[in-house]
């Protein structure tokens, strides 16, 4: 995803697995769980994944609050959704899991909210649901200041980093069950990303390989994932298991 920012044009070269690993590594430098949510948002801008980021927390079935925003534009985009009751994570992102808008100025899904956000300088958006163990935590919102033509790779990168943000948001709720569940799911997703990069697989092919390795070795999926993550690739021992 290429974006314009105060630093000029930034092109994210990292693949989804590398992005999530970098985000997690940087998060470890921040001790306080609440601060880590804000730090995660800021890091995504530093990595060039977006020009502005907000992290929205779902309080209950109808109530939301902004847990982190990298600037006033992202905070205003959140606040206007809450006030207008229109926008991607008021309704749609919690039904679809992830969505993208190439240009909010004329997106027919949000005839009032979209032009308002475009007016304050945010044009492109990828919004990803944050969840753990069936619990919807909120949404990660990646804004661009210029219209975009989002690719499937952009969407996969957003999905990958959203998993890390889910972990940090769950940690900030001081719910060990939630964040451990998200962390386990993330490790499998990270291994899947490594296989996709190594073999140029699609996500379905990488997932099928993980399942096959788990079944062949009668080994839990997250154990297989940890071995792949540790090696940075599919270890030869896993690729050719002993009979």
C-alpha atoms as a PDB file:
ATOM      1  CA  UNK A   1       0.000   0.000   0.000  1.00  0.00           C
ATOM      2  CA  UNK A   2       1.655   3.257  -1.034  1.00  0.00           C
ATOM      3  CA  UNK A   3       0.594   6.431   0.725  1.00  0.00           C
ATOM      4  CA  UNK A   4       1.492  10.099   0.930  1.00  0.00           C
ATOM      5  CA  UNK A   5       2.538  11.341   4.352  1.00  0.00           C
ATOM      6  CA  UNK A   6       4.571  14.157   5.897  1.00  0.00           C
ATOM      7  CA  UNK A   7       7.670  12.075   5.151  1.00  0.00           C
ATOM      8  CA  UNK A   8       6.761  11.782   1.472  1.00  0.00           C
ATOM      9  CA  UNK A   9       5.693   8.725  -0.466  1.00  0.00           C
ATOM     10  CA  UNK A  10       6.075   5.511   1.515  1.00  0.00           C
ATOM     11  CA  UNK A  11       5.824   2.044   0.051  1.00  0.00           C
ATOM     12  CA  UNK A  12       5.403  -0.873   2.435  1.00  0.00           C
ATOM     13  CA  UNK A  13       7.779  -3.578   1.230  1.00  0.00           C
ATOM     14  CA  UNK A  14       7.264  -6.046   4.096  1.00  0.00           C
ATOM     15  CA  UNK A  15       5.017  -9.027   3.510  1.00  0.00           C
ATOM     16  CA  UNK A  16       2.094  -9.668   5.918  1.00  0.00           C
ATOM     17  CA  UNK A  17       4.072 -12.041   8.153  1.00  0.00           C
ATOM     18  CA  UNK A  18       7.028  -9.628   8.364  1.00  0.00           C
ATOM     19  CA  UNK A  19       4.723  -6.690   9.108  1.00  0.00           C
ATOM     20  CA  UNK A  20       3.008  -8.478  11.977  1.00  0.00           C
ATOM     21  CA  UNK A  21       6.359  -9.634  13.372  1.00  0.00           C
ATOM     22  CA  UNK A  22       7.738  -6.077  13.234  1.00  0.00           C
ATOM     23  CA  UNK A  23       4.632  -4.662  14.928  1.00  0.00           C
ATOM     24  CA  UNK A  24       4.809  -7.259  17.682  1.00  0.00           C
ATOM     25  CA  UNK A  25       8.526  -6.662  18.228  1.00  0.00           C
ATOM     26  CA  UNK A  26       8.016  -2.919  18.615  1.00  0.00           C
ATOM     27  CA  UNK A  27       5.092  -3.459  20.990  1.00  0.00           C
ATOM     28  CA  UNK A  28       7.347  -5.333  23.398  1.00  0.00           C
ATOM     29  CA  UNK A  29       9.212  -2.091  24.117  1.00  0.00           C
ATOM     30  CA  UNK A  30       6.107  -0.595  25.774  1.00  0.00           C
ATOM     31  CA  UNK A  31       5.241  -1.967  29.207  1.00  0.00           C
ATOM     32  CA  UNK A  32       1.804  -0.508  29.973  1.00  0.00           C
ATOM     33  CA  UNK A  33      -1.041  -2.383  28.250  1.00  0.00           C
ATOM     34  CA  UNK A  34      -3.046   0.772  27.512  1.00  0.00           C
ATOM     35  CA  UNK A  35       0.002   2.544  26.104  1.00  0.00           C
ATOM     36  CA  UNK A  36       0.666  -0.433  23.834  1.00  0.00           C
ATOM     37  CA  UNK A  37      -2.663   0.116  22.066  1.00  0.00           C
ATOM     38  CA  UNK A  38      -1.693   3.706  21.248  1.00  0.00           C
ATOM     39  CA  UNK A  39       1.849   2.631  20.337  1.00  0.00           C
ATOM     40  CA  UNK A  40       0.501   0.025  17.915  1.00  0.00           C
ATOM     41  CA  UNK A  41      -1.502   2.693  16.090  1.00  0.00           C
ATOM     42  CA  UNK A  42       1.519   4.995  15.863  1.00  0.00           C
ATOM     43  CA  UNK A  43       3.761   2.177  14.642  1.00  0.00           C
ATOM     44  CA  UNK A  44       1.441   1.417  11.724  1.00  0.00           C
ATOM     45  CA  UNK A  45       1.887   4.992  10.518  1.00  0.00           C
ATOM     46  CA  UNK A  46       5.668   4.760  11.042  1.00  0.00           C
ATOM     47  CA  UNK A  47       5.748   1.577   8.959  1.00  0.00           C
ATOM     48  CA  UNK A  48       3.951   3.384   6.151  1.00  0.00           C
ATOM     49  CA  UNK A  49       0.843   1.224   6.257  1.00  0.00           C
ATOM     50  CA  UNK A  50      -1.428   4.259   6.618  1.00  0.00           C
ATOM     51  CA  UNK A  51      -1.327   8.052   6.959  1.00  0.00           C
ATOM     52  CA  UNK A  52      -3.653   8.033   9.970  1.00  0.00           C
ATOM     53  CA  UNK A  53      -4.912   5.246  12.203  1.00  0.00           C
ATOM     54  CA  UNK A  54      -7.677   4.855  14.734  1.00  0.00           C
ATOM     55  CA  UNK A  55      -8.525   1.909  16.950  1.00  0.00           C
ATOM     56  CA  UNK A  56     -12.183   1.732  17.875  1.00  0.00           C
ATOM     57  CA  UNK A  57     -13.360  -0.310  20.842  1.00  0.00           C
ATOM     58  CA  UNK A  58     -16.823  -1.787  20.977  1.00  0.00           C
ATOM     59  CA  UNK A  59     -18.227  -1.161  24.459  1.00  0.00           C
ATOM     60  CA  UNK A  60     -21.521  -3.008  23.931  1.00  0.00           C
ATOM     61  CA  UNK A  61     -23.936  -3.877  21.118  1.00  0.00           C
ATOM     62  CA  UNK A  62     -24.492  -0.236  20.150  1.00  0.00           C
ATOM     63  CA  UNK A  63     -21.780   1.800  21.874  1.00  0.00           C
ATOM     64  CA  UNK A  64     -18.240   2.516  20.671  1.00  0.00           C
ATOM     65  CA  UNK A  65     -15.286   4.575  21.839  1.00  0.00           C
ATOM     66  CA  UNK A  66     -11.947   5.576  20.349  1.00  0.00           C
ATOM     67  CA  UNK A  67      -9.124   3.800  22.178  1.00  0.00           C
ATOM     68  CA  UNK A  68      -6.325   5.251  20.056  1.00  0.00           C
ATOM     69  CA  UNK A  69      -5.909   7.774  17.253  1.00  0.00           C
ATOM     70  CA  UNK A  70      -2.708   8.962  15.624  1.00  0.00           C
ATOM     71  CA  UNK A  71      -3.996  12.451  14.882  1.00  0.00           C
ATOM     72  CA  UNK A  72      -7.035  14.712  15.048  1.00  0.00           C
ATOM     73  CA  UNK A  73      -8.314  13.572  11.651  1.00  0.00           C
ATOM     74  CA  UNK A  74      -8.550   9.920  12.713  1.00  0.00           C
ATOM     75  CA  UNK A  75     -10.201  10.916  15.996  1.00  0.00           C
ATOM     76  CA  UNK A  76     -12.696  13.110  14.148  1.00  0.00           C
ATOM     77  CA  UNK A  77     -13.514  10.321  11.686  1.00  0.00           C
ATOM     78  CA  UNK A  78     -14.352   8.080  14.647  1.00  0.00           C
ATOM     79  CA  UNK A  79     -16.378  10.724  16.463  1.00  0.00           C
ATOM     80  CA  UNK A  80     -18.445  11.559  13.382  1.00  0.00           C
ATOM     81  CA  UNK A  81     -19.412   7.911  12.941  1.00  0.00           C
ATOM     82  CA  UNK A  82     -20.645   7.738  16.515  1.00  0.00           C
ATOM     83  CA  UNK A  83     -22.615  10.968  16.127  1.00  0.00           C
ATOM     84  CA  UNK A  84     -24.047  10.286  12.658  1.00  0.00           C
ATOM     85  CA  UNK A  85     -24.561   6.536  13.207  1.00  0.00           C
ATOM     86  CA  UNK A  86     -23.125   5.986   9.754  1.00  0.00           C
ATOM     87  CA  UNK A  87     -19.843   4.436   8.708  1.00  0.00           C
ATOM     88  CA  UNK A  88     -17.998   1.136   8.216  1.00  0.00           C
ATOM     89  CA  UNK A  89     -17.664  -0.027  11.801  1.00  0.00           C
ATOM     90  CA  UNK A  90     -21.053   1.177  12.999  1.00  0.00           C
ATOM     91  CA  UNK A  91     -22.519  -1.674  11.010  1.00  0.00           C
ATOM     92  CA  UNK A  92     -20.705  -3.177   8.054  1.00  0.00           C
ATOM     93  CA  UNK A  93     -17.284  -4.157   9.362  1.00  0.00           C
ATOM     94  CA  UNK A  94     -18.866  -6.214  12.110  1.00  0.00           C
ATOM     95  CA  UNK A  95     -20.776  -8.185   9.490  1.00  0.00           C
ATOM     96  CA  UNK A  96     -18.041  -8.555   6.872  1.00  0.00           C
ATOM     97  CA  UNK A  97     -14.870  -8.741   9.000  1.00  0.00           C
ATOM     98  CA  UNK A  98     -12.905  -6.427   6.696  1.00  0.00           C
ATOM     99  CA  UNK A  99     -13.746  -3.839   4.079  1.00  0.00           C
ATOM    100  CA  UNK A 100     -11.977  -1.298   1.916  1.00  0.00           C
ATOM    101  CA  UNK A 101     -12.993   2.040   0.446  1.00  0.00           C
ATOM    102  CA  UNK A 102     -10.820   3.435  -2.326  1.00  0.00           C
ATOM    103  CA  UNK A 103     -12.301   6.926  -2.028  1.00  0.00           C
ATOM    104  CA  UNK A 104     -14.552   7.945   0.844  1.00  0.00           C
ATOM    105  CA  UNK A 105     -15.598  11.116  -0.961  1.00  0.00           C
ATOM    106  CA  UNK A 106     -17.957   9.277  -3.294  1.00  0.00           C
ATOM    107  CA  UNK A 107     -18.452   5.857  -1.691  1.00  0.00           C
ATOM    108  CA  UNK A 108     -22.200   5.148  -1.966  1.00  0.00           C
ATOM    109  CA  UNK A 109     -22.227   3.102   1.256  1.00  0.00           C
ATOM    110  CA  UNK A 110     -21.769   6.228   3.394  1.00  0.00           C
ATOM    111  CA  UNK A 111     -23.348   9.198   1.579  1.00  0.00           C
ATOM    112  CA  UNK A 112     -23.025  11.541   4.573  1.00  0.00           C
ATOM    113  CA  UNK A 113     -20.067  10.282   6.600  1.00  0.00           C
ATOM    114  CA  UNK A 114     -17.774   9.631   3.617  1.00  0.00           C
ATOM    115  CA  UNK A 115     -17.757  13.173   2.156  1.00  0.00           C
ATOM    116  CA  UNK A 116     -17.362  14.624   5.660  1.00  0.00           C
ATOM    117  CA  UNK A 117     -14.236  12.540   6.307  1.00  0.00           C
ATOM    118  CA  UNK A 118     -12.888  13.339   2.829  1.00  0.00           C
ATOM    119  CA  UNK A 119     -13.303  17.027   3.625  1.00  0.00           C
ATOM    120  CA  UNK A 120     -10.935  16.723   6.604  1.00  0.00           C
ATOM    121  CA  UNK A 121      -8.343  15.048   4.398  1.00  0.00           C
ATOM    122  CA  UNK A 122      -8.893  11.284   4.633  1.00  0.00           C
ATOM    123  CA  UNK A 123      -9.803   9.551   1.393  1.00  0.00           C
ATOM    124  CA  UNK A 124      -8.897   5.831   1.462  1.00  0.00           C
ATOM    125  CA  UNK A 125      -9.776   3.361   4.221  1.00  0.00           C
ATOM    126  CA  UNK A 126      -9.316  -0.265   5.175  1.00  0.00           C
ATOM    127  CA  UNK A 127     -11.260  -1.204   8.302  1.00  0.00           C
ATOM    128  CA  UNK A 128     -10.709  -4.574   9.981  1.00  0.00           C
ATOM    129  CA  UNK A 129     -12.698  -6.217  12.735  1.00  0.00           C
ATOM    130  CA  UNK A 130     -10.791  -6.934  15.938  1.00  0.00           C
ATOM    131  CA  UNK A 131     -12.002  -9.996  17.783  1.00  0.00           C
ATOM    132  CA  UNK A 132     -11.029 -12.886  20.047  1.00  0.00           C
ATOM    133  CA  UNK A 133     -12.802 -16.115  20.961  1.00  0.00           C
ATOM    134  CA  UNK A 134     -15.958 -14.998  19.201  1.00  0.00           C
ATOM    135  CA  UNK A 135     -15.939 -11.637  21.034  1.00  0.00           C
ATOM    136  CA  UNK A 136     -15.913  -8.515  18.867  1.00  0.00           C
ATOM    137  CA  UNK A 137     -13.428  -6.105  20.417  1.00  0.00           C
ATOM    138  CA  UNK A 138     -13.595  -3.281  17.909  1.00  0.00           C
ATOM    139  CA  UNK A 139     -12.034  -2.198  14.634  1.00  0.00           C
ATOM    140  CA  UNK A 140      -8.664  -1.150  13.250  1.00  0.00           C
ATOM    141  CA  UNK A 141      -9.022   1.713  10.773  1.00  0.00           C
ATOM    142  CA  UNK A 142      -6.218   2.507   8.321  1.00  0.00           C
ATOM    143  CA  UNK A 143      -6.743   5.844   6.545  1.00  0.00           C
ATOM    144  CA  UNK A 144      -4.928   7.257   3.515  1.00  0.00           C
ATOM    145  CA  UNK A 145      -4.877  10.914   2.564  1.00  0.00           C
ATOM    146  CA  UNK A 146      -5.097  10.120  -1.149  1.00  0.00           C
ATOM    147  CA  UNK A 147      -7.606   7.918  -3.040  1.00  0.00           C
ATOM    148  CA  UNK A 148      -6.328   4.358  -3.326  1.00  0.00           C
ATOM    149  CA  UNK A 149      -6.711   1.303  -5.492  1.00  0.00           C
ATOM    150  CA  UNK A 150      -6.420  -1.286  -2.752  1.00  0.00           C
ATOM    151  CA  UNK A 151      -5.136  -4.709  -3.766  1.00  0.00           C
ATOM    152  CA  UNK A 152      -5.655  -8.104  -2.178  1.00  0.00           C
ATOM    153  CA  UNK A 153      -2.100  -7.758  -0.807  1.00  0.00           C
ATOM    154  CA  UNK A 154      -3.071  -4.511   0.944  1.00  0.00           C
ATOM    155  CA  UNK A 155      -6.042  -6.277   2.510  1.00  0.00           C
ATOM    156  CA  UNK A 156      -3.896  -9.208   3.677  1.00  0.00           C
ATOM    157  CA  UNK A 157      -1.400  -6.813   5.282  1.00  0.00           C
ATOM    158  CA  UNK A 158      -4.223  -5.043   7.108  1.00  0.00           C
ATOM    159  CA  UNK A 159      -5.651  -8.353   8.267  1.00  0.00           C
ATOM    160  CA  UNK A 160      -2.236  -9.481   9.547  1.00  0.00           C
ATOM    161  CA  UNK A 161      -1.519  -6.385  11.621  1.00  0.00           C
ATOM    162  CA  UNK A 162      -5.101  -6.341  12.943  1.00  0.00           C
ATOM    163  CA  UNK A 163      -4.376  -9.607  14.715  1.00  0.00           C
ATOM    164  CA  UNK A 164      -1.552  -7.970  16.689  1.00  0.00           C
ATOM    165  CA  UNK A 165      -3.766  -4.999  17.502  1.00  0.00           C
ATOM    166  CA  UNK A 166      -6.418  -7.461  18.724  1.00  0.00           C
ATOM    167  CA  UNK A 167      -3.854  -8.937  21.118  1.00  0.00           C
ATOM    168  CA  UNK A 168      -2.941  -5.524  22.508  1.00  0.00           C
ATOM    169  CA  UNK A 169      -6.590  -4.459  22.867  1.00  0.00           C
ATOM    170  CA  UNK A 170      -7.418  -7.713  24.645  1.00  0.00           C
ATOM    171  CA  UNK A 171      -4.402  -7.247  26.939  1.00  0.00           C
ATOM    172  CA  UNK A 172      -5.592  -3.756  27.830  1.00  0.00           C
ATOM    173  CA  UNK A 173      -8.861  -5.283  29.026  1.00  0.00           C
ATOM    174  CA  UNK A 174      -6.821  -7.413  31.438  1.00  0.00           C
ATOM    175  CA  UNK A 175      -8.533 -10.537  30.152  1.00  0.00           C
ATOM    176  CA  UNK A 176      -5.908 -13.293  29.890  1.00  0.00           C
ATOM    177  CA  UNK A 177      -8.312 -15.711  28.188  1.00  0.00           C
ATOM    178  CA  UNK A 178      -8.995 -13.237  25.390  1.00  0.00           C
ATOM    179  CA  UNK A 179      -5.435 -12.230  24.593  1.00  0.00           C
ATOM    180  CA  UNK A 180      -4.060 -15.747  24.796  1.00  0.00           C
ATOM    181  CA  UNK A 181      -6.743 -16.915  22.373  1.00  0.00           C
ATOM    182  CA  UNK A 182      -5.869 -14.119  19.943  1.00  0.00           C
ATOM    183  CA  UNK A 183      -2.152 -14.802  20.327  1.00  0.00           C
ATOM    184  CA  UNK A 184      -2.597 -18.483  19.428  1.00  0.00           C
ATOM    185  CA  UNK A 185      -4.633 -17.533  16.361  1.00  0.00           C
ATOM    186  CA  UNK A 186      -1.997 -14.983  15.392  1.00  0.00           C
ATOM    187  CA  UNK A 187       0.814 -17.541  15.492  1.00  0.00           C
ATOM    188  CA  UNK A 188      -1.076 -19.763  13.073  1.00  0.00           C
ATOM    189  CA  UNK A 189      -1.753 -16.770  10.829  1.00  0.00           C
ATOM    190  CA  UNK A 190       1.905 -15.747  10.938  1.00  0.00           C
ATOM    191  CA  UNK A 191       2.986 -19.243   9.894  1.00  0.00           C
ATOM    192  CA  UNK A 192       0.431 -19.119   7.114  1.00  0.00           C
ATOM    193  CA  UNK A 193       1.947 -15.832   5.907  1.00  0.00           C
ATOM    194  CA  UNK A 194       5.451 -17.337   5.921  1.00  0.00           C
ATOM    195  CA  UNK A 195       4.279 -20.236   3.741  1.00  0.00           C
ATOM    196  CA  UNK A 196       2.499 -17.844   1.381  1.00  0.00           C
ATOM    197  CA  UNK A 197       5.690 -15.853   0.962  1.00  0.00           C
ATOM    198  CA  UNK A 198       8.017 -18.875   0.720  1.00  0.00           C
ATOM    199  CA  UNK A 199       6.008 -20.834  -1.836  1.00  0.00           C
ATOM    200  CA  UNK A 200       3.982 -17.996  -3.416  1.00  0.00           C
ATOM    201  CA  UNK A 201       0.853 -19.771  -2.142  1.00  0.00           C
ATOM    202  CA  UNK A 202      -2.589 -18.284  -1.803  1.00  0.00           C
ATOM    203  CA  UNK A 203      -4.036 -18.177   1.723  1.00  0.00           C
ATOM    204  CA  UNK A 204      -6.174 -21.284   1.127  1.00  0.00           C
ATOM    205  CA  UNK A 205      -3.173 -23.318  -0.097  1.00  0.00           C
ATOM    206  CA  UNK A 206      -1.073 -22.260   2.899  1.00  0.00           C
ATOM    207  CA  UNK A 207      -3.894 -23.140   5.301  1.00  0.00           C
ATOM    208  CA  UNK A 208      -4.352 -26.544   3.654  1.00  0.00           C
ATOM    209  CA  UNK A 209      -0.622 -27.268   4.036  1.00  0.00           C
ATOM    210  CA  UNK A 210      -0.698 -26.345   7.735  1.00  0.00           C
ATOM    211  CA  UNK A 211      -3.640 -28.672   8.301  1.00  0.00           C
ATOM    212  CA  UNK A 212      -1.950 -31.484   6.403  1.00  0.00           C
ATOM    213  CA  UNK A 213       1.262 -31.138   8.416  1.00  0.00           C
ATOM    214  CA  UNK A 214      -0.721 -31.126  11.643  1.00  0.00           C
ATOM    215  CA  UNK A 215      -2.644 -34.252  10.674  1.00  0.00           C
ATOM    216  CA  UNK A 216       0.389 -36.110   9.322  1.00  0.00           C
ATOM    217  CA  UNK A 217       2.404 -35.595  12.473  1.00  0.00           C
ATOM    218  CA  UNK A 218      -0.561 -35.790  14.841  1.00  0.00           C
ATOM    219  CA  UNK A 219       0.656 -32.453  16.188  1.00  0.00           C
ATOM    220  CA  UNK A 220      -1.375 -29.470  17.317  1.00  0.00           C
ATOM    221  CA  UNK A 221      -1.660 -26.715  14.747  1.00  0.00           C
ATOM    222  CA  UNK A 222      -0.087 -24.024  16.922  1.00  0.00           C
ATOM    223  CA  UNK A 223       2.950 -26.267  17.551  1.00  0.00           C
ATOM    224  CA  UNK A 224       3.462 -26.617  13.790  1.00  0.00           C
ATOM    225  CA  UNK A 225       3.048 -22.845  13.470  1.00  0.00           C
ATOM    226  CA  UNK A 226       5.655 -22.155  16.169  1.00  0.00           C
ATOM    227  CA  UNK A 227       8.202 -24.375  14.392  1.00  0.00           C
ATOM    228  CA  UNK A 228       7.667 -22.554  11.107  1.00  0.00           C
ATOM    229  CA  UNK A 229       7.917 -19.136  12.804  1.00  0.00           C
ATOM    230  CA  UNK A 230      11.125 -20.128  14.607  1.00  0.00           C
ATOM    231  CA  UNK A 231      12.717 -21.237  11.316  1.00  0.00           C
ATOM    232  CA  UNK A 232      11.322 -18.381   9.242  1.00  0.00           C
ATOM    233  CA  UNK A 233      10.358 -20.960   6.636  1.00  0.00           C
ATOM    234  CA  UNK A 234       8.994 -24.482   6.346  1.00  0.00           C
ATOM    235  CA  UNK A 235      11.634 -26.664   8.097  1.00  0.00           C
ATOM    236  CA  UNK A 236      12.873 -29.580   6.008  1.00  0.00           C
ATOM    237  CA  UNK A 237      11.920 -31.953   8.801  1.00  0.00           C
ATOM    238  CA  UNK A 238       8.284 -30.857   8.543  1.00  0.00           C
ATOM    239  CA  UNK A 239       8.300 -30.844   4.762  1.00  0.00           C
ATOM    240  CA  UNK A 240       9.415 -34.488   4.706  1.00  0.00           C
ATOM    241  CA  UNK A 241       8.121 -36.056   7.939  1.00  0.00           C
ATOM    242  CA  UNK A 242       9.478 -39.442   8.896  1.00  0.00           C
ATOM    243  CA  UNK A 243       7.286 -42.387   8.080  1.00  0.00           C
END
